[in-house]
Protein backbone atom coordinates (compact mmCIF):
# COMPACT_ATOMS: atom_id res chain seq x y z
CA UNK A 1 -20.54 20.75 6.38
CA UNK A 2 -21.05 17.78 8.90
CA UNK A 3 -24.68 17.00 9.09
CA UNK A 4 -26.28 16.93 12.42
CA UNK A 5 -26.11 14.62 14.50
CA UNK A 6 -22.87 12.63 12.71
CA UNK A 7 -20.60 11.36 15.18
CA UNK A 8 -18.84 8.62 13.20
CA UNK A 9 -16.61 8.45 10.14
CA UNK A 10 -16.53 5.02 8.12
CA UNK A 11 -13.59 3.95 6.56
CA UNK A 12 -14.25 1.25 4.25
CA UNK A 13 -10.38 -0.46 4.04
CA UNK A 14 -10.45 -2.78 0.75
CA UNK A 15 -7.53 -4.85 0.83
CA UNK A 16 -5.65 -8.07 -0.99
CA UNK A 17 -7.04 -10.50 0.92
CA UNK A 18 -10.17 -9.24 2.60
CA UNK A 19 -12.66 -6.37 2.88
CA UNK A 20 -13.05 -4.43 6.00
CA UNK A 21 -14.81 -1.38 6.98
CA UNK A 22 -14.16 0.43 10.79
CA UNK A 23 -16.04 3.30 12.22
CA UNK A 24 -13.92 6.24 14.00
CA UNK A 25 -14.98 8.61 16.15
CA UNK A 26 -13.80 12.33 16.41
CA UNK A 27 -10.71 11.60 18.80
CA UNK A 28 -9.45 9.30 15.79
CA UNK A 29 -10.30 6.12 17.85
CA UNK A 30 -11.67 2.71 16.11
CA UNK A 31 -15.02 1.91 17.77
CA UNK A 32 -15.96 -0.94 16.14
CA UNK A 33 -14.72 -3.37 12.84
CA UNK A 34 -16.00 -5.73 10.68
CA UNK A 35 -13.95 -7.80 8.09
CA UNK A 36 -14.57 -10.68 5.81
CA UNK A 37 -12.48 -12.78 3.58
CA UNK A 38 -12.78 -13.32 0.28
CA UNK A 39 -11.47 -15.75 -2.52
CA UNK A 40 -7.85 -15.85 -4.07
CA UNK A 41 -7.49 -17.19 -7.55
CA UNK A 42 -4.19 -18.43 -9.16
CA UNK A 43 -5.41 -19.36 -12.56
CA UNK A 44 -2.29 -19.98 -13.96
CA UNK A 45 1.56 -19.86 -12.90
CA UNK A 46 2.50 -16.00 -12.12
CA UNK A 47 -1.56 -14.48 -12.31
CA UNK A 48 -3.56 -13.69 -10.00
CA UNK A 49 -7.75 -12.56 -9.99
CA UNK A 50 -9.93 -11.39 -7.78
CA UNK A 51 -14.09 -11.81 -8.18
CA UNK A 52 -15.24 -8.12 -8.39
CA UNK A 53 -18.20 -8.69 -7.59
CA UNK A 54 -17.34 -10.66 -4.43
CA UNK A 55 -15.06 -7.51 -3.34
CA UNK A 56 -17.70 -5.50 -3.67
CA UNK A 57 -20.67 -7.99 -1.88
CA UNK A 58 -17.95 -8.53 0.91
CA UNK A 59 -17.37 -4.72 1.40
CA UNK A 60 -21.04 -3.53 1.31
CA UNK A 61 -21.79 -6.70 4.23
CA UNK A 62 -19.08 -5.27 6.78
CA UNK A 63 -20.62 -1.88 6.02
CA UNK A 64 -23.83 -2.99 7.42
CA UNK A 65 -22.44 -5.09 10.37
CA UNK A 66 -20.37 -2.51 11.41
CA UNK A 67 -23.20 -0.42 11.74
CA UNK A 68 -25.29 -3.19 13.74
CA UNK A 69 -22.07 -3.72 16.76
CA UNK A 70 -22.50 0.72 17.73
CA UNK A 71 -26.24 0.61 16.98
CA UNK A 72 -25.47 3.27 14.55
CA UNK A 73 -27.26 4.88 11.36
CA UNK A 74 -26.39 6.11 8.00
CA UNK A 75 -27.65 9.61 9.75
CA UNK A 76 -24.88 9.01 12.45
CA UNK A 77 -21.79 8.88 9.73
CA UNK A 78 -20.34 12.58 8.20
CA UNK A 79 -18.60 10.62 5.39
CA UNK A 80 -16.76 7.95 3.83
CA UNK A 81 -13.49 7.34 3.12
CA UNK A 82 -11.98 4.25 1.05
CA UNK A 83 -8.60 3.11 1.17
CA UNK A 84 -7.61 0.19 -1.11
CA UNK A 85 -5.51 -2.31 -2.58
CA UNK A 86 -3.62 -0.28 -5.20
CA UNK A 87 -2.87 -1.45 -8.85
CA UNK A 88 -5.63 -4.12 -9.14
CA UNK A 89 -7.97 -2.99 -11.84
CA UNK A 90 -11.46 -4.29 -13.27
CA UNK A 91 -13.05 -3.59 -16.55
CA UNK A 92 -16.70 -3.32 -16.62
CA UNK A 93 -19.60 -2.16 -18.63
CA UNK A 94 -21.31 1.38 -18.36
CA UNK A 95 -24.79 0.79 -19.10
CA UNK A 96 -24.92 -3.02 -16.78
CA UNK A 97 -22.44 -2.40 -14.01
CA UNK A 98 -21.20 -5.84 -15.06
CA UNK A 99 -17.40 -6.97 -15.00
CA UNK A 100 -16.19 -8.17 -17.92
CA UNK A 101 -13.34 -10.06 -16.58
CA UNK A 102 -12.04 -11.29 -13.05
CA UNK A 103 -10.09 -8.44 -11.17
CA UNK A 104 -6.18 -8.38 -12.40
CA UNK A 105 -4.43 -8.37 -8.84
CA UNK A 106 -1.55 -6.03 -8.35
CA UNK A 107 0.66 -9.25 -7.44
CA UNK A 108 -0.26 -10.85 -10.83
CA UNK A 109 2.66 -11.20 -13.35
CA UNK A 110 1.54 -12.26 -16.95
CA UNK A 111 2.23 -8.68 -18.29
CA UNK A 112 6.10 -9.22 -17.50
CA UNK A 113 7.04 -10.10 -21.63
CA UNK A 114 5.24 -7.10 -22.38
CA UNK A 115 7.50 -5.07 -19.96
CA UNK A 116 10.13 -6.99 -21.04
CA UNK A 117 9.38 -5.77 -24.86
CA UNK A 118 9.52 -2.27 -24.05
CA UNK A 119 12.33 -2.04 -21.47
CA UNK A 120 14.42 -3.51 -24.53
CA UNK A 121 13.20 -0.56 -26.48
CA UNK A 122 14.84 1.91 -24.01
CA UNK A 123 11.79 3.11 -23.06
CA UNK A 124 11.70 2.73 -19.48
CA UNK A 125 13.40 6.37 -18.43
CA UNK A 126 10.95 8.03 -20.35
CA UNK A 127 8.01 6.37 -18.67
CA UNK A 128 10.16 7.28 -15.27
CA UNK A 129 10.16 10.42 -16.30
CA UNK A 130 6.78 10.98 -16.47
CA UNK A 131 4.66 9.06 -14.24
CA UNK A 132 7.86 7.88 -11.14
CA UNK A 133 7.33 4.54 -11.86
CA UNK A 134 9.29 1.38 -13.25
CA UNK A 135 8.07 -0.75 -15.90
CA UNK A 136 6.64 -3.34 -14.44
CA UNK A 137 3.63 -5.44 -14.34
CA UNK A 138 2.89 -4.46 -10.90
CA UNK A 139 1.14 -1.54 -12.17
CA UNK A 140 -2.06 -1.15 -13.61
CA UNK A 141 -1.47 -0.50 -17.32
CA UNK A 142 -0.17 -3.33 -18.85
CA UNK A 143 -2.73 -4.93 -16.87
CA UNK A 144 -5.55 -3.27 -18.40
CA UNK A 145 -3.88 -3.34 -21.80
CA UNK A 146 -4.01 -7.31 -21.89
CA UNK A 147 -7.61 -7.04 -21.15
CA UNK A 148 -8.11 -4.65 -24.00
CA UNK A 149 -6.19 -7.12 -26.00
CA UNK A 150 -8.26 -10.97 -24.71
CA UNK A 151 -11.17 -9.98 -23.84
CA UNK A 152 -13.30 -10.07 -27.14
CA UNK A 153 -14.30 -6.61 -28.55
CA UNK A 154 -12.92 -5.07 -25.69
CA UNK A 155 -11.07 -2.40 -27.35
CA UNK A 156 -13.52 -1.41 -29.80
CA UNK A 157 -16.07 -1.09 -26.86
CA UNK A 158 -13.70 1.26 -24.78
CA UNK A 159 -13.16 3.57 -27.77
CA UNK A 160 -17.02 4.42 -28.25
CA UNK A 161 -17.09 4.76 -24.31
CA UNK A 162 -19.30 1.97 -23.60
CA UNK A 163 -16.67 -0.26 -21.13
CA UNK A 164 -14.90 1.71 -17.86
CA UNK A 165 -11.72 0.87 -16.24
CA UNK A 166 -11.03 1.41 -12.43
CA UNK A 167 -8.62 0.36 -9.57
CA UNK A 168 -10.27 -0.91 -6.93
CA UNK A 169 -11.57 2.54 -5.22
CA UNK A 170 -13.31 3.30 -8.86
CA UNK A 171 -15.39 -0.27 -8.44
CA UNK A 172 -16.47 0.64 -4.51
CA UNK A 173 -17.12 4.08 -5.47
CA UNK A 174 -19.19 3.52 -8.92
CA UNK A 175 -21.21 0.76 -7.08
CA UNK A 176 -21.51 2.90 -3.89
CA UNK A 177 -23.55 5.52 -5.65
CA UNK A 178 -25.61 3.49 -7.77
CA UNK A 179 -23.67 3.08 -10.68
CA UNK A 180 -23.47 6.51 -11.03
CA UNK A 181 -19.95 7.92 -10.78
CA UNK A 182 -16.63 6.74 -12.36
CA UNK A 183 -14.00 8.73 -10.64
CA UNK A 184 -10.71 8.16 -8.52
CA UNK A 185 -8.60 9.99 -7.07
CA UNK A 186 -4.84 11.06 -7.68
CA UNK A 187 -2.77 9.11 -5.19
CA UNK A 188 -4.61 5.66 -7.05
CA UNK A 189 -4.51 7.21 -10.56
CA UNK A 190 -0.50 7.64 -9.76
CA UNK A 191 -0.17 4.20 -9.20
CA UNK A 192 -1.61 3.29 -13.14
CA UNK A 193 1.21 4.00 -15.08
CA UNK A 194 -0.97 6.45 -17.21
CA UNK A 195 -0.84 10.01 -14.95
CA UNK A 196 1.93 12.55 -15.50
CA UNK A 197 3.27 12.90 -11.91
CA UNK A 198 3.97 16.70 -12.44
CA UNK A 199 1.26 17.81 -14.25
CA UNK A 200 -1.52 15.55 -12.26
CA UNK A 201 -3.49 14.52 -15.57
CA UNK A 202 -3.92 11.43 -17.44
CA UNK A 203 -0.38 11.20 -19.98
CA UNK A 204 -1.26 11.34 -23.69
CA UNK A 205 2.56 9.57 -24.40
CA UNK A 206 1.37 7.37 -21.79
CA UNK A 207 -1.96 5.89 -23.35
CA UNK A 208 -0.17 5.69 -26.29
CA UNK A 209 2.38 3.33 -25.75
CA UNK A 210 0.11 1.24 -23.69
CA UNK A 211 -2.97 1.82 -26.59
CA UNK A 212 -5.43 3.03 -23.71
CA UNK A 213 -8.86 4.53 -24.61
CA UNK A 214 -9.09 7.72 -22.78
CA UNK A 215 -12.84 7.03 -23.07
CA UNK A 216 -12.40 4.52 -20.46
CA UNK A 217 -10.69 6.59 -17.82
CA UNK A 218 -12.43 8.20 -14.61
CA UNK A 219 -12.61 11.39 -13.77
CA UNK A 220 -9.44 12.70 -12.01
CA UNK A 221 -10.36 13.79 -8.31
CA UNK A 222 -8.67 14.67 -5.11
CA UNK A 223 -8.21 12.55 -1.94
CA UNK A 224 -10.01 14.38 0.25
CA UNK A 225 -13.30 16.02 -1.20
CA UNK A 226 -15.67 19.22 0.07
CA UNK A 227 -19.16 17.56 0.31
CA UNK A 228 -20.77 19.89 -2.80
CA UNK A 229 -17.15 17.73 -4.87
CA UNK A 230 -17.88 14.13 -3.07
CA UNK A 231 -19.37 11.74 -4.57
CA UNK A 232 -22.37 10.29 -2.86
CA UNK A 233 -22.87 6.71 -1.77
CA UNK A 234 -26.32 5.63 -0.77
CA UNK A 235 -26.56 4.31 2.10
CA UNK A 236 -30.00 3.60 4.24
CA UNK A 237 -31.72 5.88 2.39
CA UNK A 238 -29.34 9.02 2.94
CA UNK A 239 -27.00 10.46 0.75
CA UNK A 240 -23.33 10.12 2.30
CA UNK A 241 -20.12 11.66 0.85
CA UNK A 242 -17.53 9.69 -0.04
CA UNK A 243 -15.34 12.43 0.97
CA UNK A 244 -11.72 10.58 0.94
CA UNK A 245 -10.35 8.53 -1.38
CA UNK A 246 -6.59 7.33 -1.57
CA UNK A 247 -4.66 4.09 -1.87
CA UNK A 248 -3.92 2.23 1.36
CA UNK A 249 -0.32 2.65 1.86
CA UNK A 250 -0.65 6.44 1.46
CA UNK A 251 -3.62 6.49 3.59
CA UNK A 252 -1.31 4.67 6.14
CA UNK A 253 1.26 7.79 5.36
CA UNK A 254 -1.19 10.04 6.63
CA UNK A 255 -2.68 8.34 9.45
CA UNK A 256 0.72 7.89 10.92
CA UNK A 257 0.79 12.07 10.51
CA UNK A 258 3.27 11.82 8.27
CA UNK A 259 2.58 15.27 7.28
CA UNK A 260 6.12 17.28 7.51
CA UNK A 261 8.13 16.37 4.31
CA UNK A 262 10.88 13.68 5.70
CA UNK A 263 8.91 12.06 7.91
CA UNK A 264 8.41 8.27 7.12
CA UNK A 265 6.36 5.05 7.93
CA UNK A 266 6.95 1.14 7.08
CA UNK A 267 3.89 -0.76 7.00
CA UNK A 268 5.52 -4.24 8.22
CA UNK A 269 3.19 -7.09 6.58
CA UNK A 270 3.23 -9.71 4.83
CA UNK A 271 5.85 -7.11 2.96
CA UNK A 272 7.07 -4.11 4.03
CA UNK A 273 5.86 -0.96 2.07
CA UNK A 274 7.86 1.70 3.14
CA UNK A 275 7.00 5.74 2.18
CA UNK A 276 8.19 9.43 2.86
CA UNK A 277 6.63 12.51 2.56
CA UNK A 278 8.81 14.58 0.49
CA UNK A 279 6.77 17.51 0.14
CA UNK A 280 4.94 19.54 -2.43
CA UNK A 281 7.07 18.45 -5.71
CA UNK A 282 8.42 14.90 -6.32
CA UNK A 283 11.68 13.50 -6.06
CA UNK A 284 12.78 11.16 -8.71
CA UNK A 285 14.75 8.41 -7.13
CA UNK A 286 18.21 8.13 -8.23
CA UNK A 287 18.30 4.97 -5.90
CA UNK A 288 15.48 2.65 -7.72
CA UNK A 289 12.44 3.41 -5.57
CA UNK A 290 9.26 4.47 -6.57
CA UNK A 291 8.09 8.49 -6.80
CA UNK A 292 4.18 8.71 -6.32
CA UNK A 293 1.52 11.18 -5.16
CA UNK A 294 0.84 10.41 -1.85
CA UNK A 295 -2.15 12.74 -1.77
CA UNK A 296 -4.26 16.16 -2.79
CA UNK A 297 -6.27 18.48 -0.24
CA UNK A 298 -7.79 21.90 -1.67
CA UNK A 299 -5.60 21.66 -4.95
CA UNK A 300 -2.44 21.07 -1.97
CA UNK A 301 -0.70 18.32 -3.50
CA UNK A 302 1.97 15.71 -1.45
CA UNK A 303 4.25 13.67 -2.74
CA UNK A 304 6.42 10.44 -1.52
CA UNK A 305 9.37 8.42 -2.20
CA UNK A 306 8.06 4.56 -2.11
CA UNK A 307 10.31 1.34 -1.99
CA UNK A 308 8.09 -1.86 -1.29
CA UNK A 309 10.18 -5.63 0.46
CA UNK A 310 8.28 -8.31 -0.83
CA UNK A 311 8.70 -10.82 1.55
CA UNK A 312 8.60 -9.51 5.44
CA UNK A 313 6.24 -11.61 7.43
CA UNK A 314 5.79 -13.91 4.97
CA UNK A 315 9.12 -15.36 5.95
CA UNK A 316 7.66 -16.29 9.22
CA UNK A 317 4.83 -17.93 7.95
CA UNK A 318 7.38 -19.99 6.11
CA UNK A 319 9.20 -20.39 8.72
CA UNK A 320 5.72 -22.09 10.73
CA UNK A 321 4.15 -23.28 7.67
CA UNK A 322 7.21 -24.97 6.02
CA UNK A 323 10.18 -25.57 7.91
CA UNK A 324 7.77 -26.39 11.09
CA UNK A 325 10.12 -24.32 13.12
CA UNK A 326 6.91 -22.45 14.70
CA UNK A 327 3.70 -23.64 15.81
CA UNK A 328 2.48 -20.33 15.85
CA UNK A 329 3.56 -17.14 14.30
CA UNK A 330 3.58 -15.08 17.96
CA UNK A 331 5.96 -17.44 18.90
CA UNK A 332 9.04 -15.98 17.05
CA UNK A 333 9.88 -13.39 19.37
CA UNK A 334 10.89 -15.75 21.99
CA UNK A 335 12.71 -18.15 20.04
CA UNK A 336 14.52 -15.48 18.67
CA UNK A 337 15.43 -14.11 22.06
CA UNK A 338 16.20 -17.30 23.42
CA UNK A 339 19.65 -16.45 21.68
CA UNK A 340 21.82 -13.36 22.20
CA UNK A 341 22.46 -12.93 18.41
CA UNK A 342 22.33 -15.05 15.04
CA UNK A 343 25.64 -16.61 14.90
CA UNK A 344 26.80 -15.08 12.31
CA UNK A 345 23.89 -16.32 10.20
CA UNK A 346 22.22 -13.87 7.94
CA UNK A 347 18.27 -15.11 6.05
CA UNK A 348 18.15 -13.33 3.10
CA UNK A 349 14.65 -14.28 1.88
CA UNK A 350 14.42 -13.54 -1.69
CA UNK A 351 11.41 -16.04 -2.40
CA UNK A 352 10.18 -14.04 -5.26
CA UNK A 353 13.12 -12.14 -5.78
CA UNK A 354 14.23 -8.92 -4.53
CA UNK A 355 12.10 -5.43 -4.86
CA UNK A 356 13.45 -2.24 -4.14
CA UNK A 357 16.22 -0.95 -4.06
CA UNK A 358 17.72 -4.09 -6.28
CA UNK A 359 14.74 -5.14 -8.53
CA UNK A 360 16.32 -8.24 -9.07
CA UNK A 361 13.28 -10.92 -10.02
CA UNK A 362 15.69 -13.52 -10.52
CA UNK A 363 17.14 -13.63 -7.03
CA UNK A 364 16.46 -16.64 -4.72
CA UNK A 365 16.71 -16.66 -1.02
CA UNK A 366 19.40 -17.96 1.11
CA UNK A 367 20.54 -18.88 4.28
CA UNK A 368 24.07 -18.10 4.74
CA UNK A 369 26.59 -18.80 7.72
CA UNK A 370 25.83 -21.85 8.84
CA UNK A 371 27.84 -23.87 11.37
CA UNK A 372 27.36 -27.21 14.00
CA UNK A 373 26.13 -24.13 16.42
CA UNK A 374 23.33 -23.22 14.45
CA UNK A 375 20.18 -23.85 16.07
CA UNK A 376 16.13 -22.90 15.80
CA UNK A 377 16.56 -19.77 17.76
CA UNK A 378 19.58 -19.11 15.53
CA UNK A 379 17.25 -18.94 12.44
CA UNK A 380 14.40 -17.36 14.22
CA UNK A 381 17.31 -14.60 14.91
CA UNK A 382 17.94 -14.66 11.13
CA UNK A 383 15.00 -14.17 10.05
CA UNK A 384 13.12 -11.09 11.85
CA UNK A 385 16.62 -9.32 11.49
CA UNK A 386 16.32 -9.64 7.55
CA UNK A 387 13.51 -7.83 7.87
CA UNK A 388 15.05 -5.17 9.53
CA UNK A 389 17.64 -5.40 7.14
CA UNK A 390 15.60 -5.10 3.99
CA UNK A 391 13.96 -1.95 5.23
CA UNK A 392 17.15 -0.11 6.06
CA UNK A 393 18.09 -0.91 2.51
CA UNK A 394 15.16 0.95 1.33
CA UNK A 395 15.38 3.96 4.11
CA UNK A 396 19.10 4.17 3.53
CA UNK A 397 17.92 4.41 -0.43
CA UNK A 398 15.55 6.82 0.33
CA UNK A 399 17.70 9.40 2.40
CA UNK A 400 20.02 9.62 -0.41
CA UNK A 401 17.26 10.35 -2.83
CA UNK A 402 15.21 12.99 -0.70
CA UNK A 403 18.91 14.53 0.60
CA UNK A 404 16.89 15.37 3.83
CA UNK A 405 17.82 12.58 6.86
CA UNK A 406 15.16 10.59 8.54
CA UNK A 407 14.68 11.86 11.64
CA UNK A 408 11.91 9.25 13.34
CA UNK A 409 10.16 5.90 11.47
CA UNK A 410 6.69 5.33 12.31
CA UNK A 411 5.94 2.02 12.08
CA UNK A 412 2.58 -0.28 11.62
CA UNK A 413 0.98 -3.63 10.60
CA UNK A 414 1.12 -6.97 12.44
CA UNK A 415 5.10 -7.78 12.59
CA UNK A 416 5.25 -3.93 14.22
CA UNK A 417 3.81 -5.91 17.88
CA UNK A 418 7.56 -7.79 17.90
CA UNK A 419 9.58 -5.46 20.39
CA UNK A 420 12.62 -7.40 19.38
CA UNK A 421 12.27 -6.36 15.70
CA UNK A 422 11.30 -2.73 16.17
CA UNK A 423 14.28 -2.59 18.60
CA UNK A 424 16.50 -4.42 16.42
CA UNK A 425 15.02 -1.70 13.76
CA UNK A 426 15.93 1.54 15.95
CA UNK A 427 19.90 0.25 16.01
CA UNK A 428 20.34 -0.53 12.85
CA UNK A 429 18.88 2.67 11.21
CA UNK A 430 19.95 4.99 14.09
CA UNK A 431 16.80 7.18 14.67
CA UNK A 432 13.99 6.38 16.79
CA UNK A 433 11.04 4.07 15.96
CA UNK A 434 7.53 4.77 16.54
CA UNK A 435 4.56 2.49 17.19
CA UNK A 436 1.67 4.47 17.80
CA UNK A 437 -1.55 3.75 19.72
CA UNK A 438 -3.57 3.36 16.68
CA UNK A 439 -2.23 0.98 14.43
CA UNK A 440 -5.03 0.80 12.23
CA UNK A 441 -3.34 3.49 10.45
CA UNK A 442 -4.74 2.93 6.59
CA UNK A 443 -8.28 2.65 7.54
CA UNK A 444 -7.61 5.83 10.15
CA UNK A 445 -5.69 7.85 7.04
CA UNK A 446 -8.56 7.36 5.07
CA UNK A 447 -11.43 8.26 7.78
CA UNK A 448 -9.06 11.68 8.52
CA UNK A 449 -8.61 12.56 4.81
CA UNK A 450 -13.12 11.77 4.16
CA UNK A 451 -13.30 13.98 7.97
CA UNK A 452 -11.08 16.99 6.67
CA UNK A 453 -12.93 16.99 3.86
CA UNK A 454 -16.74 17.49 5.03
CA UNK A 455 -15.46 19.58 8.33
CA UNK A 456 -15.15 16.32 10.74
CA UNK A 457 -12.16 17.45 11.73
CA UNK A 458 -10.46 20.89 10.94
CA UNK A 459 -7.47 20.93 9.96
CA UNK A 460 -4.50 18.77 9.48
CA UNK A 461 -3.09 19.80 12.86
CA UNK A 462 -5.91 18.72 14.95
CA UNK A 463 -5.84 15.33 13.25
CA UNK A 464 -1.68 15.36 14.21
CA UNK A 465 -2.61 15.78 17.73
CA UNK A 466 -4.96 12.87 17.62
CA UNK A 467 -1.48 10.70 17.23
CA UNK A 468 -0.27 8.81 20.15
CA UNK A 469 2.86 7.13 20.58
CA UNK A 470 2.57 3.59 22.36
CA UNK A 471 5.83 3.32 22.43
CA UNK A 472 9.13 4.69 21.14
CA UNK A 473 12.31 2.33 20.53
CA UNK A 474 15.25 4.88 20.72
CA UNK A 475 18.90 3.71 19.05
CA UNK A 476 21.27 1.32 21.77
CA UNK A 477 24.29 0.38 19.79
CA UNK A 478 26.61 2.70 18.36
CA UNK A 479 27.09 3.45 14.13
CA UNK A 480 29.85 0.87 14.38
CA UNK A 481 28.17 -2.04 15.01
CA UNK A 482 25.46 -0.88 12.17
CA UNK A 483 27.48 -0.65 9.66
CA UNK A 484 29.31 -3.94 10.67
CA UNK A 485 26.31 -5.51 10.56
CA UNK A 486 24.76 -3.71 7.57
CA UNK A 487 28.04 -4.99 5.75
CA UNK A 488 27.57 -8.24 6.36
CA UNK A 489 24.14 -8.56 5.22
CA UNK A 490 25.54 -6.71 1.75
CA UNK A 491 27.34 -9.75 1.34
CA UNK A 492 24.47 -12.53 2.05
CA UNK A 493 22.72 -10.36 -0.64
CA UNK A 494 25.35 -10.47 -2.97
CA UNK A 495 25.27 -14.03 -2.78
CA UNK A 496 21.45 -13.98 -4.07
CA UNK A 497 21.44 -11.50 -7.02
CA UNK A 498 21.83 -12.25 -10.31
CA UNK A 499 22.09 -8.83 -11.57
């Protein structure tokens, strides 16, 4: 179990724009962190790529930096947990570890024509029933299929077992283990369009549909692993178990202690990612959400419903960089609070279409209800309210799918520091919105899963007891007010939709 003298769990939080390492102590407190950004590549419109080697080198550098900050060595680390940007995928040579092409990022849209062709053939219902996902370039399978078609001889080499495919967790583990382990966990595998959601095995029908050779796929593991099961990282002359592996949004769900059915979290970042724990069996969405595996521990699986809002904090960045309405992002709250309401303005930030539950890629942004009396404060307030309105759309669909009322919403991400936004969110939902003391919930979830695997923490109840609320935002408006506001929002959305 836990090695003698181990004081910390090391969490690797590999995100879309940066790699981070954070050390957590037994109380779940982040004692030190290190972060390095890496390059984003946009070779063609709609294409987004990363350099896999740069992802690895930046992640490795942050490990050394975070240990140095507290004077720790590998002997102080009980286990490593990895949380990673999901759906982004890498194809590499097993023998040399050399990537055959840039990593194709989850935001990349190059495979949209393939998804459209499959949808036109009436295949989406079958795909949804098997995987819980929609036919969309967001997911990994069409990215891998594209790589196998476009990289010379890649498909033949993959069939021979010479190539390895993986999401970013697999790529990091391959390198951390001295290029020995080719594995992934079920939470990441459930984002590929290649996993059967109920059996939690690679799906032969999906492999056939996307023409994927099984020989290139990683071995499937639990998200939390005992030392004898975990791949071993070579760190400072020691072998450290990589005992936690989980996709970033599922990690945040666990880090928020959303362990019981019906508890939901919302990460307010560039976009919003809303997940609700739906328990031990998948809940298939009737309202255009996604079903996914949240995590698996000791063979016990938890599922979640998920909805994504494409533009959340990005709307504030647009007000700053596109319009020059504010000089710094932090100014938005005071400006929005300078007026009592939006004066009837609704801002629908459909800059790249609308995500769940609309799934309308042709929708475009709109500001409606403008009059001569509207000023900067009204626009700022409408932009903040749009984040809450979009989240409410997803959460309302979740409650209908789960047939379980939302009890409270736990929040994280940069925009959760905005008190005005959090109070408006609580008033719209009619349930408490709760902000935790520790907001590094993605890394914390990976650390908890790793620590539980090796006995650093004894039970889920113990880690849940570490969770502490910084502030609870209780709803203060009546439901009539909320319904009136939501009705106005729905009318504004309809003006932007093409479907």
